[in-house]
Amino acid sequence: MQEDPRVTFGRRLSELRKVKGWSQEKLSLESGIARSYLGGVERGQRNIALLNICRLAETLEVPIGELFQHWR
């Protein structure tokens, strides 16, 4: 059975955030996205909107596609 794509995306977001050495709070402040929402995204509990995906990629200074790398 294939993993829920929300979980896969959340795991990748968490990886990229940690590579920068940022907390969820720091990513929240830099992106303007609520920390509680980001936590839900990273846990795979939120279905993130495309605009927020774009905002996170820009904030993390990665191409949008980088957020979708390592999908199994």
PDB file of N, CA and C in Angstrom:
ATOM      1  N   MET A   1       0.837  -1.180   0.000  1.00  0.00           N
ATOM      2  CA  MET A   1       0.000   0.000   0.000  1.00  0.00           C
ATOM      3  C   MET A   1       0.885   1.247   0.000  1.00  0.00           C
ATOM      4  N   GLN A   2       0.537   2.203  -0.816  1.00  0.00           N
ATOM      5  CA  GLN A   2       1.329   3.424  -0.937  1.00  0.00           C
ATOM      6  C   GLN A   2       1.053   4.369   0.237  1.00  0.00           C
ATOM      7  N   GLU A   3       2.110   5.016   0.698  1.00  0.00           N
ATOM      8  CA  GLU A   3       1.991   5.956   1.806  1.00  0.00           C
ATOM      9  C   GLU A   3       1.151   7.159   1.398  1.00  0.00           C
ATOM     10  N   ASP A   4       0.415   7.705   2.336  1.00  0.00           N
ATOM     11  CA  ASP A   4      -0.387   8.905   2.108  1.00  0.00           C
ATOM     12  C   ASP A   4       0.544  10.019   1.630  1.00  0.00           C
ATOM     13  N   PRO A   5       0.236  10.672   0.509  1.00  0.00           N
ATOM     14  CA  PRO A   5       1.113  11.724   0.001  1.00  0.00           C
ATOM     15  C   PRO A   5       1.267  12.904   0.963  1.00  0.00           C
ATOM     16  N   ARG A   6       0.288  13.115   1.836  1.00  0.00           N
ATOM     17  CA  ARG A   6       0.421  14.191   2.835  1.00  0.00           C
ATOM     18  C   ARG A   6       1.542  13.862   3.817  1.00  0.00           C
ATOM     19  N   VAL A   7       1.664  12.583   4.173  1.00  0.00           N
ATOM     20  CA  VAL A   7       2.722  12.147   5.085  1.00  0.00           C
ATOM     21  C   VAL A   7       4.078  12.277   4.405  1.00  0.00           C
ATOM     22  N   THR A   8       4.148  11.840   3.148  1.00  0.00           N
ATOM     23  CA  THR A   8       5.403  11.917   2.394  1.00  0.00           C
ATOM     24  C   THR A   8       5.850  13.364   2.241  1.00  0.00           C
ATOM     25  N   PHE A   9       4.923  14.246   1.886  1.00  0.00           N
ATOM     26  CA  PHE A   9       5.246  15.661   1.725  1.00  0.00           C
ATOM     27  C   PHE A   9       5.702  16.257   3.058  1.00  0.00           C
ATOM     28  N   GLY A  10       4.982  15.947   4.114  1.00  0.00           N
ATOM     29  CA  GLY A  10       5.328  16.480   5.430  1.00  0.00           C
ATOM     30  C   GLY A  10       6.704  16.057   5.889  1.00  0.00           C
ATOM     31  N   ARG A  11       7.045  14.796   5.627  1.00  0.00           N
ATOM     32  CA  ARG A  11       8.371  14.294   5.996  1.00  0.00           C
ATOM     33  C   ARG A  11       9.453  15.060   5.234  1.00  0.00           C
ATOM     34  N   ARG A  12       9.218  15.286   3.944  1.00  0.00           N
ATOM     35  CA  ARG A  12      10.209  16.004   3.126  1.00  0.00           C
ATOM     36  C   ARG A  12      10.337  17.454   3.578  1.00  0.00           C
ATOM     37  N   LEU A  13       9.223  18.089   3.883  1.00  0.00           N
ATOM     38  CA  LEU A  13       9.266  19.465   4.380  1.00  0.00           C
ATOM     39  C   LEU A  13      10.091  19.535   5.662  1.00  0.00           C
ATOM     40  N   SER A  14       9.857  18.602   6.544  1.00  0.00           N
ATOM     41  CA  SER A  14      10.603  18.553   7.801  1.00  0.00           C
ATOM     42  C   SER A  14      12.102  18.383   7.543  1.00  0.00           C
ATOM     43  N   GLU A  15      12.449  17.491   6.607  1.00  0.00           N
ATOM     44  CA  GLU A  15      13.864  17.280   6.264  1.00  0.00           C
ATOM     45  C   GLU A  15      14.513  18.569   5.778  1.00  0.00           C
ATOM     46  N   LEU A  16      13.852  19.259   4.859  1.00  0.00           N
ATOM     47  CA  LEU A  16      14.426  20.489   4.296  1.00  0.00           C
ATOM     48  C   LEU A  16      14.535  21.596   5.344  1.00  0.00           C
ATOM     49  N   ARG A  17      13.560  21.661   6.220  1.00  0.00           N
ATOM     50  CA  ARG A  17      13.593  22.657   7.297  1.00  0.00           C
ATOM     51  C   ARG A  17      14.789  22.383   8.206  1.00  0.00           C
ATOM     52  N   LYS A  18      14.994  21.126   8.550  1.00  0.00           N
ATOM     53  CA  LYS A  18      16.083  20.758   9.453  1.00  0.00           C
ATOM     54  C   LYS A  18      17.457  20.955   8.806  1.00  0.00           C
ATOM     55  N   VAL A  19      17.545  20.755   7.490  1.00  0.00           N
ATOM     56  CA  VAL A  19      18.804  21.008   6.785  1.00  0.00           C
ATOM     57  C   VAL A  19      19.224  22.464   6.979  1.00  0.00           C
ATOM     58  N   LYS A  20      18.255  23.372   6.996  1.00  0.00           N
ATOM     59  CA  LYS A  20      18.556  24.787   7.224  1.00  0.00           C
ATOM     60  C   LYS A  20      18.822  25.089   8.695  1.00  0.00           C
ATOM     61  N   GLY A  21      18.559  24.110   9.545  1.00  0.00           N
ATOM     62  CA  GLY A  21      18.747  24.320  10.978  1.00  0.00           C
ATOM     63  C   GLY A  21      17.634  25.134  11.606  1.00  0.00           C
ATOM     64  N   TRP A  22      16.474  25.118  10.970  1.00  0.00           N
ATOM     65  CA  TRP A  22      15.344  25.922  11.436  1.00  0.00           C
ATOM     66  C   TRP A  22      14.360  25.100  12.250  1.00  0.00           C
ATOM     67  N   SER A  23      13.762  25.751  13.222  1.00  0.00           N
ATOM     68  CA  SER A  23      12.639  25.179  13.955  1.00  0.00           C
ATOM     69  C   SER A  23      11.358  25.438  13.158  1.00  0.00           C
ATOM     70  N   GLN A  24      10.281  24.798  13.557  1.00  0.00           N
ATOM     71  CA  GLN A  24       8.986  25.106  12.933  1.00  0.00           C
ATOM     72  C   GLN A  24       8.641  26.575  13.163  1.00  0.00           C
ATOM     73  N   GLU A  25       8.981  27.074  14.327  1.00  0.00           N
ATOM     74  CA  GLU A  25       8.700  28.476  14.656  1.00  0.00           C
ATOM     75  C   GLU A  25       9.422  29.420  13.689  1.00  0.00           C
ATOM     76  N   LYS A  26      10.682  29.141  13.412  1.00  0.00           N
ATOM     77  CA  LYS A  26      11.466  29.972  12.485  1.00  0.00           C
ATOM     78  C   LYS A  26      10.863  29.916  11.085  1.00  0.00           C
ATOM     79  N   LEU A  27      10.520  28.721  10.605  1.00  0.00           N
ATOM     80  CA  LEU A  27       9.901  28.610   9.284  1.00  0.00           C
ATOM     81  C   LEU A  27       8.572  29.351   9.252  1.00  0.00           C
ATOM     82  N   SER A  28       7.839  29.260  10.325  1.00  0.00           N
ATOM     83  CA  SER A  28       6.566  29.973  10.425  1.00  0.00           C
ATOM     84  C   SER A  28       6.771  31.486  10.310  1.00  0.00           C
ATOM     85  N   LEU A  29       7.712  32.003  11.061  1.00  0.00           N
ATOM     86  CA  LEU A  29       7.983  33.444  11.037  1.00  0.00           C
ATOM     87  C   LEU A  29       8.464  33.908   9.665  1.00  0.00           C
ATOM     88  N   GLU A  30       9.332  33.125   9.047  1.00  0.00           N
ATOM     89  CA  GLU A  30       9.894  33.506   7.749  1.00  0.00           C
ATOM     90  C   GLU A  30       8.878  33.394   6.615  1.00  0.00           C
ATOM     91  N   SER A  31       7.983  32.425   6.700  1.00  0.00           N
ATOM     92  CA  SER A  31       7.032  32.182   5.611  1.00  0.00           C
ATOM     93  C   SER A  31       5.692  32.874   5.797  1.00  0.00           C
ATOM     94  N   GLY A  32       5.377  33.254   7.037  1.00  0.00           N
ATOM     95  CA  GLY A  32       4.067  33.845   7.311  1.00  0.00           C
ATOM     96  C   GLY A  32       2.964  32.807   7.428  1.00  0.00           C
ATOM     97  N   ILE A  33       3.343  31.541   7.587  1.00  0.00           N
ATOM     98  CA  ILE A  33       2.380  30.450   7.738  1.00  0.00           C
ATOM     99  C   ILE A  33       2.372  30.041   9.205  1.00  0.00           C
ATOM    100  N   ALA A  34       1.204  29.883   9.784  1.00  0.00           N
ATOM    101  CA  ALA A  34       1.073  29.577  11.211  1.00  0.00           C
ATOM    102  C   ALA A  34       1.848  28.317  11.591  1.00  0.00           C
ATOM    103  N   ARG A  35       2.519  28.355  12.735  1.00  0.00           N
ATOM    104  CA  ARG A  35       3.307  27.225  13.200  1.00  0.00           C
ATOM    105  C   ARG A  35       2.432  25.992  13.419  1.00  0.00           C
ATOM    106  N   SER A  36       1.251  26.168  13.958  1.00  0.00           N
ATOM    107  CA  SER A  36       0.372  25.022  14.190  1.00  0.00           C
ATOM    108  C   SER A  36      -0.031  24.363  12.873  1.00  0.00           C
ATOM    109  N   TYR A  37      -0.231  25.169  11.836  1.00  0.00           N
ATOM    110  CA  TYR A  37      -0.547  24.647  10.511  1.00  0.00           C
ATOM    111  C   TYR A  37       0.646  23.866   9.959  1.00  0.00           C
ATOM    112  N   LEU A  38       1.860  24.441  10.080  1.00  0.00           N
ATOM    113  CA  LEU A  38       3.068  23.754   9.609  1.00  0.00           C
ATOM    114  C   LEU A  38       3.265  22.425  10.329  1.00  0.00           C
ATOM    115  N   GLY A  39       2.988  22.407  11.617  1.00  0.00           N
ATOM    116  CA  GLY A  39       3.093  21.162  12.372  1.00  0.00           C
ATOM    117  C   GLY A  39       2.157  20.099  11.821  1.00  0.00           C
ATOM    118  N   GLY A  40       0.937  20.502  11.493  1.00  0.00           N
ATOM    119  CA  GLY A  40      -0.028  19.581  10.906  1.00  0.00           C
ATOM    120  C   GLY A  40       0.411  19.082   9.543  1.00  0.00           C
ATOM    121  N   VAL A  41       1.021  19.967   8.753  1.00  0.00           N
ATOM    122  CA  VAL A  41       1.537  19.573   7.442  1.00  0.00           C
ATOM    123  C   VAL A  41       2.657  18.559   7.614  1.00  0.00           C
ATOM    124  N   GLU A  42       3.588  18.832   8.511  1.00  0.00           N
ATOM    125  CA  GLU A  42       4.719  17.921   8.717  1.00  0.00           C
ATOM    126  C   GLU A  42       4.280  16.568   9.255  1.00  0.00           C
ATOM    127  N   ARG A  43       3.198  16.521   9.990  1.00  0.00           N
ATOM    128  CA  ARG A  43       2.674  15.255  10.510  1.00  0.00           C
ATOM    129  C   ARG A  43       1.771  14.538   9.502  1.00  0.00           C
ATOM    130  N   GLY A  44       1.526  15.178   8.361  1.00  0.00           N
ATOM    131  CA  GLY A  44       0.678  14.574   7.341  1.00  0.00           C
ATOM    132  C   GLY A  44      -0.802  14.679   7.649  1.00  0.00           C
ATOM    133  N   GLN A  45      -1.173  15.608   8.516  1.00  0.00           N
ATOM    134  CA  GLN A  45      -2.565  15.776   8.915  1.00  0.00           C
ATOM    135  C   GLN A  45      -3.282  16.881   8.143  1.00  0.00           C
ATOM    136  N   ARG A  46      -2.532  17.657   7.385  1.00  0.00           N
ATOM    137  CA  ARG A  46      -3.101  18.773   6.626  1.00  0.00           C
ATOM    138  C   ARG A  46      -2.889  18.562   5.145  1.00  0.00           C
ATOM    139  N   ASN A  47      -3.859  18.945   4.356  1.00  0.00           N
ATOM    140  CA  ASN A  47      -3.755  18.921   2.907  1.00  0.00           C
ATOM    141  C   ASN A  47      -3.349  20.333   2.475  1.00  0.00           C
ATOM    142  N   ILE A  48      -2.070  20.548   2.294  1.00  0.00           N
ATOM    143  CA  ILE A  48      -1.523  21.883   2.068  1.00  0.00           C
ATOM    144  C   ILE A  48      -1.929  22.435   0.702  1.00  0.00           C
ATOM    145  N   ALA A  49      -2.217  23.718   0.665  1.00  0.00           N
ATOM    146  CA  ALA A  49      -2.596  24.404  -0.572  1.00  0.00           C
ATOM    147  C   ALA A  49      -1.365  24.698  -1.430  1.00  0.00           C
ATOM    148  N   LEU A  50      -1.580  24.736  -2.735  1.00  0.00           N
ATOM    149  CA  LEU A  50      -0.503  25.001  -3.679  1.00  0.00           C
ATOM    150  C   LEU A  50       0.202  26.323  -3.381  1.00  0.00           C
ATOM    151  N   LEU A  51      -0.546  27.354  -3.045  1.00  0.00           N
ATOM    152  CA  LEU A  51       0.073  28.648  -2.733  1.00  0.00           C
ATOM    153  C   LEU A  51       1.020  28.537  -1.545  1.00  0.00           C
ATOM    154  N   ASN A  52       0.654  27.730  -0.567  1.00  0.00           N
ATOM    155  CA  ASN A  52       1.531  27.554   0.587  1.00  0.00           C
ATOM    156  C   ASN A  52       2.756  26.723   0.237  1.00  0.00           C
ATOM    157  N   ILE A  53       2.614  25.755  -0.661  1.00  0.00           N
ATOM    158  CA  ILE A  53       3.776  24.995  -1.132  1.00  0.00           C
ATOM    159  C   ILE A  53       4.761  25.955  -1.800  1.00  0.00           C
ATOM    160  N   CYS A  54       4.251  26.845  -2.645  1.00  0.00           N
ATOM    161  CA  CYS A  54       5.112  27.824  -3.314  1.00  0.00           C
ATOM    162  C   CYS A  54       5.787  28.745  -2.309  1.00  0.00           C
ATOM    163  N   ARG A  55       5.051  29.180  -1.323  1.00  0.00           N
ATOM    164  CA  ARG A  55       5.598  30.071  -0.292  1.00  0.00           C
ATOM    165  C   ARG A  55       6.704  29.375   0.497  1.00  0.00           C
ATOM    166  N   LEU A  56       6.495  28.101   0.843  1.00  0.00           N
ATOM    167  CA  LEU A  56       7.507  27.366   1.601  1.00  0.00           C
ATOM    168  C   LEU A  56       8.767  27.144   0.777  1.00  0.00           C
ATOM    169  N   ALA A  57       8.602  26.796  -0.495  1.00  0.00           N
ATOM    170  CA  ALA A  57       9.771  26.602  -1.359  1.00  0.00           C
ATOM    171  C   ALA A  57      10.578  27.891  -1.452  1.00  0.00           C
ATOM    172  N   GLU A  58       9.898  29.005  -1.629  1.00  0.00           N
ATOM    173  CA  GLU A  58      10.587  30.294  -1.715  1.00  0.00           C
ATOM    174  C   GLU A  58      11.302  30.606  -0.401  1.00  0.00           C
ATOM    175  N   THR A  59      10.635  30.383   0.705  1.00  0.00           N
ATOM    176  CA  THR A  59      11.225  30.668   2.018  1.00  0.00           C
ATOM    177  C   THR A  59      12.451  29.794   2.283  1.00  0.00           C
ATOM    178  N   LEU A  60      12.346  28.511   1.913  1.00  0.00           N
ATOM    179  CA  LEU A  60      13.460  27.578   2.118  1.00  0.00           C
ATOM    180  C   LEU A  60      14.539  27.706   1.045  1.00  0.00           C
ATOM    181  N   GLU A  61      14.258  28.545   0.034  1.00  0.00           N
ATOM    182  CA  GLU A  61      15.185  28.793  -1.079  1.00  0.00           C
ATOM    183  C   GLU A  61      15.519  27.500  -1.817  1.00  0.00           C
ATOM    184  N   VAL A  62      14.468  26.745  -2.145  1.00  0.00           N
ATOM    185  CA  VAL A  62      14.611  25.519  -2.926  1.00  0.00           C
ATOM    186  C   VAL A  62      13.593  25.556  -4.065  1.00  0.00           C
ATOM    187  N   PRO A  63      13.892  24.877  -5.180  1.00  0.00           N
ATOM    188  CA  PRO A  63      12.891  24.758  -6.231  1.00  0.00           C
ATOM    189  C   PRO A  63      11.672  24.000  -5.694  1.00  0.00           C
ATOM    190  N   ILE A  64      10.505  24.317  -6.187  1.00  0.00           N
ATOM    191  CA  ILE A  64       9.283  23.661  -5.715  1.00  0.00           C
ATOM    192  C   ILE A  64       9.412  22.150  -5.795  1.00  0.00           C
ATOM    193  N   GLY A  65       9.996  21.661  -6.879  1.00  0.00           N
ATOM    194  CA  GLY A  65      10.151  20.226  -7.052  1.00  0.00           C
ATOM    195  C   GLY A  65      10.948  19.553  -5.949  1.00  0.00           C
ATOM    196  N   GLU A  66      11.814  20.303  -5.297  1.00  0.00           N
ATOM    197  CA  GLU A  66      12.621  19.748  -4.209  1.00  0.00           C
ATOM    198  C   GLU A  66      11.740  19.272  -3.060  1.00  0.00           C
ATOM    199  N   LEU A  67      10.579  19.886  -2.890  1.00  0.00           N
ATOM    200  CA  LEU A  67       9.667  19.466  -1.844  1.00  0.00           C
ATOM    201  C   LEU A  67       9.019  18.112  -2.156  1.00  0.00           C
ATOM    202  N   PHE A  68       9.152  17.665  -3.401  1.00  0.00           N
ATOM    203  CA  PHE A  68       8.555  16.398  -3.817  1.00  0.00           C
ATOM    204  C   PHE A  68       9.597  15.325  -4.090  1.00  0.00           C
ATOM    205  N   GLN A  69      10.843  15.571  -3.749  1.00  0.00           N
ATOM    206  CA  GLN A  69      11.914  14.588  -3.926  1.00  0.00           C
ATOM    207  C   GLN A  69      11.789  13.488  -2.876  1.00  0.00           C
ATOM    208  N   HIS A  70      12.354  12.360  -3.196  1.00  0.00           N
ATOM    209  CA  HIS A  70      12.415  11.211  -2.285  1.00  0.00           C
ATOM    210  C   HIS A  70      11.048  10.559  -2.061  1.00  0.00           C
ATOM    211  N   TRP A  71      10.140  10.745  -3.013  1.00  0.00           N
ATOM    212  CA  TRP A  71       8.848  10.045  -2.920  1.00  0.00           C
ATOM    213  C   TRP A  71       9.065   8.616  -3.356  1.00  0.00           C
ATOM    214  N   ARG A  72       8.534   7.683  -2.619  1.00  0.00           N
ATOM    215  CA  ARG A  72       8.701   6.257  -2.931  1.00  0.00           C
ATOM    216  C   ARG A  72       7.490   5.746  -3.682  1.00  0.00           C
TER     217      ARG A  72
END
